[in-house]
N, C-alpha and C. Protein backbone atom coordinates (compact mmCIF):
# COMPACT_ATOMS: atom_id res chain seq x y z
N MET A 1 18.62 9.36 8.20
CA MET A 1 17.71 8.32 8.63
C MET A 1 16.50 8.96 9.32
N VAL A 2 15.31 8.46 9.00
CA VAL A 2 14.07 8.98 9.58
C VAL A 2 13.73 8.19 10.83
N THR A 3 13.46 8.88 11.92
CA THR A 3 13.06 8.19 13.15
C THR A 3 11.66 8.58 13.57
N ASP A 4 11.13 9.68 13.03
CA ASP A 4 9.80 10.15 13.38
C ASP A 4 9.02 10.33 12.08
N PHE A 5 7.83 9.76 12.02
CA PHE A 5 7.05 9.84 10.79
C PHE A 5 5.58 9.98 11.13
N GLU A 6 4.81 10.40 10.13
CA GLU A 6 3.36 10.52 10.25
C GLU A 6 2.71 9.73 9.12
N ILE A 7 1.59 9.11 9.42
CA ILE A 7 0.77 8.43 8.41
C ILE A 7 -0.51 9.24 8.30
N ARG A 8 -0.84 9.66 7.08
CA ARG A 8 -2.06 10.44 6.89
C ARG A 8 -2.61 10.22 5.50
N ALA A 9 -3.84 10.66 5.28
CA ALA A 9 -4.48 10.53 3.98
C ALA A 9 -3.75 11.39 2.94
N ILE A 10 -3.74 10.92 1.71
CA ILE A 10 -3.17 11.68 0.59
C ILE A 10 -3.98 12.96 0.40
N THR A 11 -3.28 14.04 0.14
CA THR A 11 -3.92 15.31 -0.20
C THR A 11 -3.45 15.72 -1.60
N ALA A 12 -4.12 16.70 -2.18
CA ALA A 12 -3.75 17.19 -3.51
C ALA A 12 -2.30 17.68 -3.53
N GLU A 13 -1.83 18.23 -2.43
CA GLU A 13 -0.45 18.71 -2.35
C GLU A 13 0.58 17.59 -2.44
N ASP A 14 0.15 16.36 -2.18
CA ASP A 14 1.05 15.20 -2.21
C ASP A 14 1.16 14.57 -3.60
N GLU A 15 0.32 15.01 -4.54
CA GLU A 15 0.21 14.31 -5.83
C GLU A 15 1.56 14.13 -6.54
N SER A 16 2.36 15.16 -6.64
CA SER A 16 3.64 15.06 -7.34
C SER A 16 4.57 14.05 -6.66
N ALA A 17 4.66 14.12 -5.34
CA ALA A 17 5.53 13.20 -4.61
C ALA A 17 5.05 11.76 -4.74
N VAL A 18 3.73 11.56 -4.66
CA VAL A 18 3.19 10.20 -4.78
C VAL A 18 3.41 9.66 -6.19
N LEU A 19 3.22 10.51 -7.20
CA LEU A 19 3.50 10.08 -8.58
C LEU A 19 4.93 9.60 -8.72
N ASN A 20 5.87 10.34 -8.16
CA ASN A 20 7.28 9.93 -8.23
C ASN A 20 7.51 8.60 -7.52
N LEU A 21 6.89 8.43 -6.36
CA LEU A 21 7.04 7.17 -5.62
C LEU A 21 6.39 6.02 -6.39
N MET A 22 5.25 6.27 -7.03
CA MET A 22 4.61 5.22 -7.83
C MET A 22 5.49 4.81 -9.00
N ARG A 23 6.13 5.77 -9.63
CA ARG A 23 7.05 5.46 -10.74
C ARG A 23 8.19 4.57 -10.24
N GLU A 24 8.75 4.90 -9.07
CA GLU A 24 9.82 4.08 -8.49
C GLU A 24 9.32 2.67 -8.20
N PHE A 25 8.18 2.59 -7.52
CA PHE A 25 7.63 1.30 -7.12
C PHE A 25 7.33 0.42 -8.33
N TYR A 26 6.63 0.97 -9.30
CA TYR A 26 6.19 0.16 -10.44
C TYR A 26 7.31 -0.13 -11.43
N SER A 27 8.45 0.52 -11.31
CA SER A 27 9.58 0.17 -12.17
C SER A 27 10.56 -0.76 -11.45
N SER A 28 10.24 -1.11 -10.21
CA SER A 28 11.12 -1.97 -9.42
C SER A 28 10.75 -3.44 -9.63
N PRO A 29 11.64 -4.35 -9.25
CA PRO A 29 11.34 -5.78 -9.34
C PRO A 29 10.26 -6.24 -8.36
N ALA A 30 9.82 -5.34 -7.47
CA ALA A 30 8.79 -5.69 -6.49
C ALA A 30 7.41 -5.80 -7.11
N VAL A 31 7.26 -5.32 -8.34
CA VAL A 31 5.95 -5.29 -8.99
C VAL A 31 6.03 -6.00 -10.34
N PHE A 32 5.03 -6.81 -10.61
CA PHE A 32 5.02 -7.60 -11.85
C PHE A 32 4.73 -6.74 -13.07
N THR A 33 3.84 -5.75 -12.93
CA THR A 33 3.49 -4.89 -14.06
C THR A 33 4.17 -3.53 -13.91
N ASN A 34 4.26 -2.79 -15.00
CA ASN A 34 4.92 -1.50 -14.97
C ASN A 34 3.98 -0.33 -14.70
N GLY A 35 2.67 -0.54 -14.80
CA GLY A 35 1.75 0.56 -14.61
C GLY A 35 1.91 1.58 -15.73
N SER A 36 1.29 2.74 -15.56
CA SER A 36 1.41 3.81 -16.54
C SER A 36 1.04 5.12 -15.86
N GLU A 37 1.46 6.21 -16.47
CA GLU A 37 1.11 7.53 -15.93
C GLU A 37 -0.40 7.68 -15.83
N GLU A 38 -1.11 7.19 -16.83
CA GLU A 38 -2.58 7.29 -16.83
C GLU A 38 -3.17 6.55 -15.63
N ILE A 39 -2.68 5.36 -15.36
CA ILE A 39 -3.18 4.58 -14.22
C ILE A 39 -2.79 5.25 -12.90
N PHE A 40 -1.54 5.70 -12.79
CA PHE A 40 -1.09 6.34 -11.55
C PHE A 40 -1.97 7.55 -11.23
N ARG A 41 -2.20 8.38 -12.24
CA ARG A 41 -3.02 9.59 -12.04
C ARG A 41 -4.47 9.22 -11.69
N ALA A 42 -5.00 8.19 -12.34
CA ALA A 42 -6.37 7.75 -12.04
C ALA A 42 -6.47 7.24 -10.61
N ASP A 43 -5.46 6.50 -10.15
CA ASP A 43 -5.45 5.99 -8.78
C ASP A 43 -5.46 7.14 -7.77
N ILE A 44 -4.59 8.10 -7.99
CA ILE A 44 -4.50 9.24 -7.07
C ILE A 44 -5.80 10.04 -7.11
N LYS A 45 -6.34 10.26 -8.31
CA LYS A 45 -7.60 11.01 -8.45
C LYS A 45 -8.72 10.31 -7.69
N ALA A 46 -8.81 8.99 -7.79
CA ALA A 46 -9.85 8.25 -7.08
C ALA A 46 -9.70 8.42 -5.56
N CYS A 47 -8.46 8.42 -5.08
CA CYS A 47 -8.22 8.65 -3.65
C CYS A 47 -8.65 10.05 -3.25
N LEU A 48 -8.29 11.03 -4.04
CA LEU A 48 -8.60 12.43 -3.71
C LEU A 48 -10.09 12.74 -3.85
N ASP A 49 -10.76 12.06 -4.78
CA ASP A 49 -12.18 12.33 -5.03
C ASP A 49 -13.11 11.59 -4.06
N GLY A 50 -12.55 10.83 -3.14
CA GLY A 50 -13.37 10.16 -2.13
C GLY A 50 -14.07 8.91 -2.64
N SER A 51 -13.48 8.21 -3.58
CA SER A 51 -14.06 6.96 -4.07
C SER A 51 -14.31 6.01 -2.89
N PRO A 52 -15.45 5.31 -2.87
CA PRO A 52 -15.70 4.36 -1.79
C PRO A 52 -14.86 3.08 -1.92
N TYR A 53 -14.13 2.95 -3.01
CA TYR A 53 -13.39 1.72 -3.28
C TYR A 53 -11.91 1.78 -2.95
N ILE A 54 -11.37 2.99 -2.80
CA ILE A 54 -9.93 3.11 -2.61
C ILE A 54 -9.61 4.23 -1.61
N GLU A 55 -8.56 4.00 -0.84
CA GLU A 55 -8.04 5.01 0.08
C GLU A 55 -6.55 5.12 -0.15
N GLY A 56 -6.05 6.35 -0.10
CA GLY A 56 -4.62 6.57 -0.26
C GLY A 56 -4.02 7.22 0.96
N TYR A 57 -2.81 6.82 1.29
CA TYR A 57 -2.10 7.33 2.45
C TYR A 57 -0.68 7.70 2.07
N VAL A 58 -0.11 8.64 2.81
CA VAL A 58 1.30 8.96 2.66
C VAL A 58 1.98 8.82 4.02
N PHE A 59 3.28 8.56 3.94
CA PHE A 59 4.12 8.47 5.11
C PHE A 59 5.08 9.65 5.01
N THR A 60 4.99 10.57 5.96
CA THR A 60 5.80 11.77 5.88
C THR A 60 6.76 11.88 7.05
N ALA A 61 7.83 12.60 6.80
CA ALA A 61 8.81 12.95 7.83
C ALA A 61 9.15 14.42 7.60
N ASP A 62 10.01 14.95 8.41
CA ASP A 62 10.35 16.37 8.26
C ASP A 62 10.94 16.69 6.89
N THR A 63 11.42 15.69 6.20
CA THR A 63 12.00 15.90 4.87
C THR A 63 11.00 15.64 3.75
N GLY A 64 9.73 15.43 4.07
CA GLY A 64 8.71 15.27 3.04
C GLY A 64 8.10 13.88 3.00
N VAL A 65 7.45 13.58 1.88
CA VAL A 65 6.76 12.30 1.68
C VAL A 65 7.80 11.22 1.43
N LYS A 66 7.77 10.18 2.25
CA LYS A 66 8.76 9.11 2.19
C LYS A 66 8.15 7.77 1.77
N GLY A 67 6.85 7.75 1.52
CA GLY A 67 6.21 6.53 1.08
C GLY A 67 4.73 6.75 0.92
N TYR A 68 4.07 5.73 0.39
CA TYR A 68 2.62 5.81 0.21
C TYR A 68 2.03 4.41 0.26
N ALA A 69 0.72 4.38 0.43
CA ALA A 69 -0.01 3.10 0.40
C ALA A 69 -1.39 3.37 -0.17
N MET A 70 -1.95 2.35 -0.80
CA MET A 70 -3.32 2.42 -1.29
C MET A 70 -4.04 1.14 -0.90
N LEU A 71 -5.26 1.32 -0.36
CA LEU A 71 -6.11 0.21 0.04
C LEU A 71 -7.33 0.18 -0.87
N ALA A 72 -7.72 -1.01 -1.31
CA ALA A 72 -8.95 -1.17 -2.08
C ALA A 72 -9.93 -1.97 -1.22
N LYS A 73 -11.20 -1.58 -1.27
CA LYS A 73 -12.21 -2.20 -0.40
C LYS A 73 -13.20 -3.01 -1.23
N SER A 74 -13.51 -4.20 -0.72
CA SER A 74 -14.50 -5.08 -1.35
C SER A 74 -15.13 -5.96 -0.27
N PHE A 75 -15.85 -6.98 -0.69
CA PHE A 75 -16.43 -7.95 0.23
C PHE A 75 -15.97 -9.34 -0.19
N SER A 76 -15.59 -10.16 0.76
CA SER A 76 -15.14 -11.52 0.48
C SER A 76 -16.24 -12.52 0.82
N THR A 77 -16.81 -13.15 -0.19
CA THR A 77 -17.79 -14.21 0.07
C THR A 77 -17.10 -15.44 0.64
N GLU A 78 -15.82 -15.60 0.35
CA GLU A 78 -15.06 -16.73 0.88
C GLU A 78 -14.94 -16.64 2.40
N PHE A 79 -14.79 -15.42 2.92
CA PHE A 79 -14.61 -15.22 4.35
C PHE A 79 -15.83 -14.59 5.02
N GLY A 80 -16.82 -14.17 4.24
CA GLY A 80 -18.05 -13.62 4.79
C GLY A 80 -17.90 -12.30 5.50
N LYS A 81 -17.00 -11.47 5.02
CA LYS A 81 -16.77 -10.17 5.65
C LYS A 81 -16.09 -9.23 4.67
N PRO A 82 -16.01 -7.96 5.04
CA PRO A 82 -15.31 -7.01 4.17
C PRO A 82 -13.87 -7.45 3.93
N CYS A 83 -13.38 -7.10 2.76
CA CYS A 83 -12.01 -7.44 2.37
C CYS A 83 -11.28 -6.14 2.06
N ILE A 84 -10.15 -5.97 2.69
CA ILE A 84 -9.29 -4.82 2.44
C ILE A 84 -8.05 -5.34 1.72
N TRP A 85 -7.89 -4.88 0.48
CA TRP A 85 -6.73 -5.26 -0.33
C TRP A 85 -5.65 -4.21 -0.16
N LEU A 86 -4.49 -4.62 0.25
CA LEU A 86 -3.34 -3.73 0.27
C LEU A 86 -2.79 -3.72 -1.15
N GLU A 87 -3.18 -2.72 -1.91
CA GLU A 87 -2.79 -2.63 -3.32
C GLU A 87 -1.35 -2.19 -3.48
N ASP A 88 -0.98 -1.13 -2.81
CA ASP A 88 0.38 -0.60 -2.90
C ASP A 88 0.86 -0.28 -1.50
N LEU A 89 2.09 -0.60 -1.23
CA LEU A 89 2.78 -0.15 -0.02
C LEU A 89 4.23 0.05 -0.42
N TYR A 90 4.62 1.30 -0.50
CA TYR A 90 5.99 1.61 -0.92
C TYR A 90 6.61 2.60 0.05
N ILE A 91 7.80 2.27 0.50
CA ILE A 91 8.55 3.12 1.42
C ILE A 91 9.92 3.35 0.79
N SER A 92 10.34 4.60 0.76
CA SER A 92 11.65 4.93 0.20
C SER A 92 12.73 4.08 0.86
N PRO A 93 13.71 3.64 0.07
CA PRO A 93 14.75 2.75 0.62
C PRO A 93 15.41 3.26 1.89
N GLU A 94 15.65 4.56 2.00
CA GLU A 94 16.34 5.08 3.18
C GLU A 94 15.48 5.03 4.43
N CYS A 95 14.18 4.75 4.27
CA CYS A 95 13.27 4.72 5.43
C CYS A 95 12.77 3.31 5.76
N ARG A 96 13.23 2.33 5.04
CA ARG A 96 12.80 0.95 5.32
C ARG A 96 13.43 0.47 6.62
N GLY A 97 12.70 -0.38 7.32
CA GLY A 97 13.20 -0.91 8.59
C GLY A 97 12.97 0.02 9.77
N MET A 98 12.24 1.10 9.56
CA MET A 98 11.99 2.07 10.63
C MET A 98 10.65 1.84 11.32
N GLY A 99 9.90 0.81 10.89
CA GLY A 99 8.61 0.52 11.51
C GLY A 99 7.42 1.15 10.81
N ILE A 100 7.66 1.84 9.70
CA ILE A 100 6.57 2.51 9.00
C ILE A 100 5.56 1.50 8.46
N GLY A 101 6.05 0.45 7.81
CA GLY A 101 5.15 -0.56 7.25
C GLY A 101 4.32 -1.24 8.32
N SER A 102 4.94 -1.64 9.40
CA SER A 102 4.20 -2.28 10.50
C SER A 102 3.18 -1.32 11.11
N ALA A 103 3.57 -0.05 11.26
CA ALA A 103 2.64 0.95 11.82
C ALA A 103 1.43 1.12 10.90
N PHE A 104 1.68 1.13 9.60
CA PHE A 104 0.56 1.27 8.66
C PHE A 104 -0.35 0.04 8.71
N LEU A 105 0.21 -1.14 8.75
CA LEU A 105 -0.61 -2.35 8.82
C LEU A 105 -1.44 -2.37 10.11
N LYS A 106 -0.85 -1.95 11.21
CA LYS A 106 -1.58 -1.89 12.48
C LYS A 106 -2.72 -0.88 12.39
N LEU A 107 -2.45 0.29 11.84
CA LEU A 107 -3.48 1.32 11.67
C LEU A 107 -4.64 0.78 10.82
N THR A 108 -4.30 0.07 9.77
CA THR A 108 -5.32 -0.50 8.89
C THR A 108 -6.19 -1.52 9.62
N GLU A 109 -5.56 -2.38 10.40
CA GLU A 109 -6.31 -3.38 11.17
C GLU A 109 -7.20 -2.72 12.21
N GLU A 110 -6.74 -1.64 12.82
CA GLU A 110 -7.56 -0.93 13.80
C GLU A 110 -8.74 -0.22 13.13
N LYS A 111 -8.53 0.30 11.93
CA LYS A 111 -9.59 1.00 11.21
C LYS A 111 -10.64 0.03 10.68
N TYR A 112 -10.22 -1.17 10.31
CA TYR A 112 -11.12 -2.19 9.74
C TYR A 112 -11.02 -3.48 10.55
N PRO A 113 -11.52 -3.47 11.79
CA PRO A 113 -11.29 -4.60 12.69
C PRO A 113 -11.95 -5.91 12.29
N ASP A 114 -13.06 -5.88 11.62
CA ASP A 114 -13.75 -7.12 11.25
C ASP A 114 -13.64 -7.37 9.75
N SER A 115 -12.42 -7.34 9.26
CA SER A 115 -12.16 -7.51 7.83
C SER A 115 -11.08 -8.54 7.61
N VAL A 116 -11.06 -9.09 6.42
CA VAL A 116 -9.96 -9.94 6.00
C VAL A 116 -9.02 -9.03 5.19
N PHE A 117 -7.74 -9.23 5.34
CA PHE A 117 -6.75 -8.41 4.65
C PHE A 117 -6.00 -9.27 3.65
N ARG A 118 -5.89 -8.76 2.42
CA ARG A 118 -5.22 -9.51 1.36
C ARG A 118 -4.23 -8.61 0.65
N LEU A 119 -3.25 -9.24 0.04
CA LEU A 119 -2.27 -8.51 -0.74
C LEU A 119 -1.57 -9.47 -1.69
N GLU A 120 -0.87 -8.90 -2.64
CA GLU A 120 -0.01 -9.65 -3.54
C GLU A 120 1.42 -9.19 -3.27
N VAL A 121 2.35 -10.12 -3.34
CA VAL A 121 3.75 -9.76 -3.16
C VAL A 121 4.58 -10.71 -4.02
N GLU A 122 5.60 -10.17 -4.64
CA GLU A 122 6.53 -11.00 -5.40
C GLU A 122 7.41 -11.77 -4.40
N GLU A 123 7.55 -13.07 -4.61
CA GLU A 123 8.34 -13.88 -3.69
C GLU A 123 9.76 -13.35 -3.51
N GLU A 124 10.31 -12.78 -4.59
CA GLU A 124 11.67 -12.28 -4.55
C GLU A 124 11.81 -11.02 -3.69
N ASN A 125 10.70 -10.38 -3.36
CA ASN A 125 10.72 -9.16 -2.56
C ASN A 125 10.81 -9.56 -1.09
N GLU A 126 11.98 -10.03 -0.69
CA GLU A 126 12.17 -10.64 0.62
C GLU A 126 11.86 -9.69 1.77
N GLY A 127 12.20 -8.43 1.63
CA GLY A 127 11.91 -7.47 2.69
C GLY A 127 10.42 -7.33 2.94
N ALA A 128 9.65 -7.24 1.86
CA ALA A 128 8.20 -7.11 1.99
C ALA A 128 7.60 -8.40 2.55
N VAL A 129 8.05 -9.54 2.06
CA VAL A 129 7.53 -10.82 2.56
C VAL A 129 7.79 -10.92 4.06
N LYS A 130 8.98 -10.53 4.50
CA LYS A 130 9.32 -10.57 5.92
C LYS A 130 8.39 -9.65 6.72
N LEU A 131 8.15 -8.44 6.21
CA LEU A 131 7.24 -7.49 6.87
C LEU A 131 5.85 -8.10 7.02
N TYR A 132 5.32 -8.65 5.94
CA TYR A 132 3.96 -9.18 5.97
C TYR A 132 3.85 -10.39 6.89
N ARG A 133 4.82 -11.29 6.84
CA ARG A 133 4.80 -12.45 7.74
C ARG A 133 4.87 -12.01 9.20
N LYS A 134 5.73 -11.04 9.48
CA LYS A 134 5.88 -10.51 10.84
C LYS A 134 4.56 -9.94 11.35
N ASN A 135 3.73 -9.46 10.44
CA ASN A 135 2.46 -8.85 10.80
C ASN A 135 1.28 -9.80 10.62
N GLY A 136 1.54 -11.11 10.55
CA GLY A 136 0.49 -12.11 10.59
C GLY A 136 -0.06 -12.59 9.26
N PHE A 137 0.49 -12.13 8.14
CA PHE A 137 0.01 -12.59 6.84
C PHE A 137 0.58 -13.97 6.54
N THR A 138 -0.22 -14.80 5.88
CA THR A 138 0.22 -16.12 5.46
C THR A 138 -0.04 -16.27 3.96
N VAL A 139 0.64 -17.21 3.34
CA VAL A 139 0.54 -17.44 1.90
C VAL A 139 -0.73 -18.25 1.62
N LEU A 140 -1.48 -17.82 0.62
CA LEU A 140 -2.66 -18.56 0.17
C LEU A 140 -2.28 -19.38 -1.06
N PRO A 141 -2.88 -20.57 -1.21
CA PRO A 141 -2.49 -21.44 -2.33
C PRO A 141 -3.32 -21.18 -3.60
N TYR A 142 -3.44 -19.92 -3.99
CA TYR A 142 -4.26 -19.57 -5.15
C TYR A 142 -3.41 -19.22 -6.36
N VAL A 143 -4.01 -19.42 -7.51
CA VAL A 143 -3.50 -18.85 -8.73
C VAL A 143 -4.43 -17.69 -9.03
N GLU A 144 -3.88 -16.51 -9.12
CA GLU A 144 -4.70 -15.35 -9.41
C GLU A 144 -4.85 -15.21 -10.91
N MET A 145 -6.04 -14.84 -11.34
CA MET A 145 -6.30 -14.67 -12.78
C MET A 145 -6.93 -13.30 -12.99
N LYS A 146 -6.83 -12.78 -14.20
CA LYS A 146 -7.47 -11.50 -14.54
C LYS A 146 -7.90 -11.53 -15.99
N LYS A 147 -8.74 -10.61 -16.33
CA LYS A 147 -9.18 -10.49 -17.73
C LYS A 147 -9.15 -9.02 -18.09
């Protein structure tokens, strides 16, 4: 069990571990789509290359990378302020319930104090829903669409 962890930006040395975690996350029932190696690598590359649209983080312990998160940045005309999308938040099963998710959400709110925060979560992902509700997130009555 992990009791001490660090949250930091993704580095090139983390790429292999993050790829493995992305494979786990996107093949789980917590995610609607399966993703692909091409997308995973593009996401990590954008984080490493300093894209202004995405930031990547890892959660580490003495035993290595135990989770990751990716934030996407935009502007919300609905709320009239910057919008931070929590795109991915994945914590290895053995490290869930240790406060890592809440610590990351707090860090994000401190880094972007005048922003609206949005995310998608599968209703069946009860642990994640509980985490987000505990940290002040509420359900929006939208149907999301894409093209």
